[in-house]
Amino acid sequence: MDVVFYSPTNGSSEERLQRVIESVTPAWEGTVCRTIEDLSERLLQPKNDLAIALLLAEKREDIEGLLPVSNLFRNTRIILIAPDRNKETIAAAHRLRPRLLTYSDSDFADVFTVLAKIIADHHNPNGMGGR
């Protein structure tokens, strides 16, 4: 399983999100993509398994910067953390078609739940995914 984490800047939201990722996927190597170029390079690497992208946007421009490379997310499950609930931000976020759209001021319990469900469903495709 390939968990890709994009966070253009370091901050408390990133640290909290990293703890969530590590609690669900203990084998995660902890690499954070800081630029669109790094993220694109990572997404272009061959994958034999499920790809999940956690995208942490500090501002709407971070989301808008992802739109030109959205074709790289075709076979990737996206969890997007938006910086605010502004109508334009939400509209841009939905263009990436995330499995979950949440906000940086949340406690990330929803991220934990959705990430765990994606992983459980992947490991048990014919069953109920850990329910």
C-alpha atoms as a PDB file:
ATOM      1  CA  MET A   1       0.000   0.000   0.000  1.00  0.00           C
ATOM      2  CA  ASP A   2       1.291   3.425  -0.944  1.00  0.00           C
ATOM      3  CA  VAL A   3       0.262   6.315   1.298  1.00  0.00           C
ATOM      4  CA  VAL A   4       1.344   9.635  -0.208  1.00  0.00           C
ATOM      5  CA  PHE A   5       1.240  12.691   2.041  1.00  0.00           C
ATOM      6  CA  TYR A   6       1.338  16.181   0.535  1.00  0.00           C
ATOM      7  CA  SER A   7       1.819  19.172   2.815  1.00  0.00           C
ATOM      8  CA  PRO A   8       3.394  22.308   1.364  1.00  0.00           C
ATOM      9  CA  THR A   9       4.252  23.730   4.799  1.00  0.00           C
ATOM     10  CA  ASN A  10       5.099  22.262   8.179  1.00  0.00           C
ATOM     11  CA  GLY A  11       2.697  23.025  11.006  1.00  0.00           C
ATOM     12  CA  SER A  12       0.494  21.661  13.751  1.00  0.00           C
ATOM     13  CA  SER A  13      -2.101  20.274  11.315  1.00  0.00           C
ATOM     14  CA  GLU A  14       0.635  18.311   9.568  1.00  0.00           C
ATOM     15  CA  GLU A  15       1.943  16.872  12.820  1.00  0.00           C
ATOM     16  CA  ARG A  16      -1.563  15.829  13.915  1.00  0.00           C
ATOM     17  CA  LEU A  17      -2.260  14.271  10.529  1.00  0.00           C
ATOM     18  CA  GLN A  18       1.035  12.364  10.585  1.00  0.00           C
ATOM     19  CA  ARG A  19       0.044  10.836  13.926  1.00  0.00           C
ATOM     20  CA  VAL A  20      -3.258   9.690  12.388  1.00  0.00           C
ATOM     21  CA  ILE A  21      -1.480   8.127   9.401  1.00  0.00           C
ATOM     22  CA  GLU A  22       1.030   6.363  11.654  1.00  0.00           C
ATOM     23  CA  SER A  23      -1.732   5.005  13.892  1.00  0.00           C
ATOM     24  CA  VAL A  24      -3.571   3.464  10.924  1.00  0.00           C
ATOM     25  CA  THR A  25      -0.527   2.402   8.882  1.00  0.00           C
ATOM     26  CA  PRO A  26       2.384   1.752  11.271  1.00  0.00           C
ATOM     27  CA  ALA A  27       4.645   0.715   8.379  1.00  0.00           C
ATOM     28  CA  TRP A  28       4.304   4.147   6.726  1.00  0.00           C
ATOM     29  CA  GLU A  29       7.765   5.518   5.974  1.00  0.00           C
ATOM     30  CA  GLY A  30       6.855   9.093   6.899  1.00  0.00           C
ATOM     31  CA  THR A  31       7.822  10.842   3.677  1.00  0.00           C
ATOM     32  CA  VAL A  32       6.090  14.167   3.070  1.00  0.00           C
ATOM     33  CA  CYS A  33       5.909  15.740  -0.396  1.00  0.00           C
ATOM     34  CA  ARG A  34       6.416  19.504  -0.080  1.00  0.00           C
ATOM     35  CA  THR A  35       6.001  20.560  -3.709  1.00  0.00           C
ATOM     36  CA  ILE A  36       3.663  19.711  -6.570  1.00  0.00           C
ATOM     37  CA  GLU A  37       6.729  18.436  -8.428  1.00  0.00           C
ATOM     38  CA  ASP A  38       7.635  16.020  -5.607  1.00  0.00           C
ATOM     39  CA  LEU A  39       4.026  14.868  -5.395  1.00  0.00           C
ATOM     40  CA  SER A  40       3.809  14.350  -9.164  1.00  0.00           C
ATOM     41  CA  GLU A  41       7.047  12.367  -9.181  1.00  0.00           C
ATOM     42  CA  ARG A  42       5.773  10.171  -6.352  1.00  0.00           C
ATOM     43  CA  LEU A  43       2.416   9.571  -8.057  1.00  0.00           C
ATOM     44  CA  LEU A  44       4.146   8.639 -11.316  1.00  0.00           C
ATOM     45  CA  GLN A  45       6.113   5.827  -9.648  1.00  0.00           C
ATOM     46  CA  PRO A  46       4.820   2.373 -10.587  1.00  0.00           C
ATOM     47  CA  LYS A  47       2.412   0.896  -8.053  1.00  0.00           C
ATOM     48  CA  ASN A  48       1.332  -2.688  -7.601  1.00  0.00           C
ATOM     49  CA  ASP A  49      -1.009  -1.882  -4.759  1.00  0.00           C
ATOM     50  CA  LEU A  50      -3.561   0.586  -3.481  1.00  0.00           C
ATOM     51  CA  ALA A  51      -2.549   4.258  -3.567  1.00  0.00           C
ATOM     52  CA  ILE A  52      -3.940   6.738  -1.072  1.00  0.00           C
ATOM     53  CA  ALA A  53      -3.140  10.452  -1.147  1.00  0.00           C
ATOM     54  CA  LEU A  54      -3.600  12.640   1.901  1.00  0.00           C
ATOM     55  CA  LEU A  55      -3.508  16.230   0.726  1.00  0.00           C
ATOM     56  CA  LEU A  56      -3.182  18.958   3.357  1.00  0.00           C
ATOM     57  CA  ALA A  57      -3.857  22.427   1.961  1.00  0.00           C
ATOM     58  CA  GLU A  58      -2.846  25.448   4.020  1.00  0.00           C
ATOM     59  CA  LYS A  59      -4.621  27.837   1.631  1.00  0.00           C
ATOM     60  CA  ARG A  60      -6.992  27.657  -1.331  1.00  0.00           C
ATOM     61  CA  GLU A  61      -4.077  28.244  -3.706  1.00  0.00           C
ATOM     62  CA  ASP A  62      -2.605  24.907  -2.584  1.00  0.00           C
ATOM     63  CA  ILE A  63      -5.747  23.156  -3.821  1.00  0.00           C
ATOM     64  CA  GLU A  64      -5.794  25.161  -7.044  1.00  0.00           C
ATOM     65  CA  GLY A  65      -2.154  24.166  -7.594  1.00  0.00           C
ATOM     66  CA  LEU A  66      -3.173  20.492  -7.513  1.00  0.00           C
ATOM     67  CA  LEU A  67      -5.810  20.839 -10.229  1.00  0.00           C
ATOM     68  CA  PRO A  68      -3.382  20.819 -13.202  1.00  0.00           C
ATOM     69  CA  VAL A  69      -2.001  17.442 -12.040  1.00  0.00           C
ATOM     70  CA  SER A  70      -5.365  15.945 -11.086  1.00  0.00           C
ATOM     71  CA  ASN A  71      -5.011  13.340 -13.850  1.00  0.00           C
ATOM     72  CA  LEU A  72      -2.273  11.738 -11.708  1.00  0.00           C
ATOM     73  CA  PHE A  73      -4.901  10.918  -9.071  1.00  0.00           C
ATOM     74  CA  ARG A  74      -6.935   8.678 -11.414  1.00  0.00           C
ATOM     75  CA  ASN A  75      -6.314   5.448  -9.497  1.00  0.00           C
ATOM     76  CA  THR A  76      -5.698   7.072  -6.140  1.00  0.00           C
ATOM     77  CA  ARG A  77      -8.067   7.477  -3.219  1.00  0.00           C
ATOM     78  CA  ILE A  78      -7.863  11.058  -1.987  1.00  0.00           C
ATOM     79  CA  ILE A  79      -8.395  12.439   1.483  1.00  0.00           C
ATOM     80  CA  LEU A  80      -8.286  16.231   1.253  1.00  0.00           C
ATOM     81  CA  ILE A  81      -7.891  18.560   4.208  1.00  0.00           C
ATOM     82  CA  ALA A  82      -9.036  22.053   3.238  1.00  0.00           C
ATOM     83  CA  PRO A  83      -7.979  25.232   5.038  1.00  0.00           C
ATOM     84  CA  ASP A  84     -11.458  26.784   5.290  1.00  0.00           C
ATOM     85  CA  ARG A  85     -15.133  26.426   4.452  1.00  0.00           C
ATOM     86  CA  ASN A  86     -15.149  29.204   1.851  1.00  0.00           C
ATOM     87  CA  LYS A  87     -17.409  28.426  -1.114  1.00  0.00           C
ATOM     88  CA  GLU A  88     -14.558  28.833  -3.641  1.00  0.00           C
ATOM     89  CA  THR A  89     -12.258  26.591  -1.605  1.00  0.00           C
ATOM     90  CA  ILE A  90     -14.884  23.855  -1.379  1.00  0.00           C
ATOM     91  CA  ALA A  91     -15.634  24.092  -5.115  1.00  0.00           C
ATOM     92  CA  ALA A  92     -11.928  23.728  -5.967  1.00  0.00           C
ATOM     93  CA  ALA A  93     -11.576  20.831  -3.512  1.00  0.00           C
ATOM     94  CA  HIS A  94     -14.474  18.897  -5.044  1.00  0.00           C
ATOM     95  CA  ARG A  95     -12.834  19.101  -8.475  1.00  0.00           C
ATOM     96  CA  LEU A  96     -10.212  16.667  -7.118  1.00  0.00           C
ATOM     97  CA  ARG A  97     -13.005  14.180  -6.263  1.00  0.00           C
ATOM     98  CA  PRO A  98     -11.826  13.252  -2.755  1.00  0.00           C
ATOM     99  CA  ARG A  99     -13.198  10.291  -0.813  1.00  0.00           C
ATOM    100  CA  LEU A 100     -13.214  12.625   2.162  1.00  0.00           C
ATOM    101  CA  LEU A 101     -13.153  16.411   2.345  1.00  0.00           C
ATOM    102  CA  THR A 102     -12.482  17.725   5.831  1.00  0.00           C
ATOM    103  CA  TYR A 103     -10.922  20.821   7.343  1.00  0.00           C
ATOM    104  CA  SER A 104      -7.652  21.637   9.057  1.00  0.00           C
ATOM    105  CA  ASP A 105      -9.431  22.796  12.228  1.00  0.00           C
ATOM    106  CA  SER A 106     -10.991  19.348  12.747  1.00  0.00           C
ATOM    107  CA  ASP A 107      -9.702  16.706  15.139  1.00  0.00           C
ATOM    108  CA  PHE A 108      -9.052  14.339  12.169  1.00  0.00           C
ATOM    109  CA  ALA A 109     -11.181  11.557  13.668  1.00  0.00           C
ATOM    110  CA  ASP A 110     -12.958  11.415  10.308  1.00  0.00           C
ATOM    111  CA  VAL A 111      -9.601  11.017   8.554  1.00  0.00           C
ATOM    112  CA  PHE A 112      -8.755   8.103  10.851  1.00  0.00           C
ATOM    113  CA  THR A 113     -12.124   6.445  10.156  1.00  0.00           C
ATOM    114  CA  VAL A 114     -12.022   6.847   6.371  1.00  0.00           C
ATOM    115  CA  LEU A 115      -8.353   5.869   6.059  1.00  0.00           C
ATOM    116  CA  ALA A 116      -8.927   2.757   8.172  1.00  0.00           C
ATOM    117  CA  LYS A 117     -11.994   1.847   6.077  1.00  0.00           C
ATOM    118  CA  ILE A 118     -10.146   2.277   2.763  1.00  0.00           C
ATOM    119  CA  ILE A 119      -7.374   0.007   4.030  1.00  0.00           C
ATOM    120  CA  ALA A 120      -9.791  -2.568   5.490  1.00  0.00           C
ATOM    121  CA  ASP A 121     -11.812  -2.674   2.258  1.00  0.00           C
ATOM    122  CA  HIS A 122      -8.604  -3.168   0.293  1.00  0.00           C
ATOM    123  CA  HIS A 123      -7.518  -6.093   2.475  1.00  0.00           C
ATOM    124  CA  ASN A 124     -10.980  -7.679   2.417  1.00  0.00           C
ATOM    125  CA  PRO A 125     -12.479  -6.803  -1.003  1.00  0.00           C
ATOM    126  CA  ASN A 126     -15.242  -9.430  -0.843  1.00  0.00           C
ATOM    127  CA  GLY A 127     -16.213  -8.856   2.752  1.00  0.00           C
ATOM    128  CA  MET A 128     -17.564  -6.042   4.798  1.00  0.00           C
ATOM    129  CA  GLY A 129     -14.263  -4.189   5.173  1.00  0.00           C
ATOM    130  CA  GLY A 130     -13.787  -4.593   8.889  1.00  0.00           C
ATOM    131  CA  ARG A 131     -17.352  -3.726   9.887  1.00  0.00           C
END
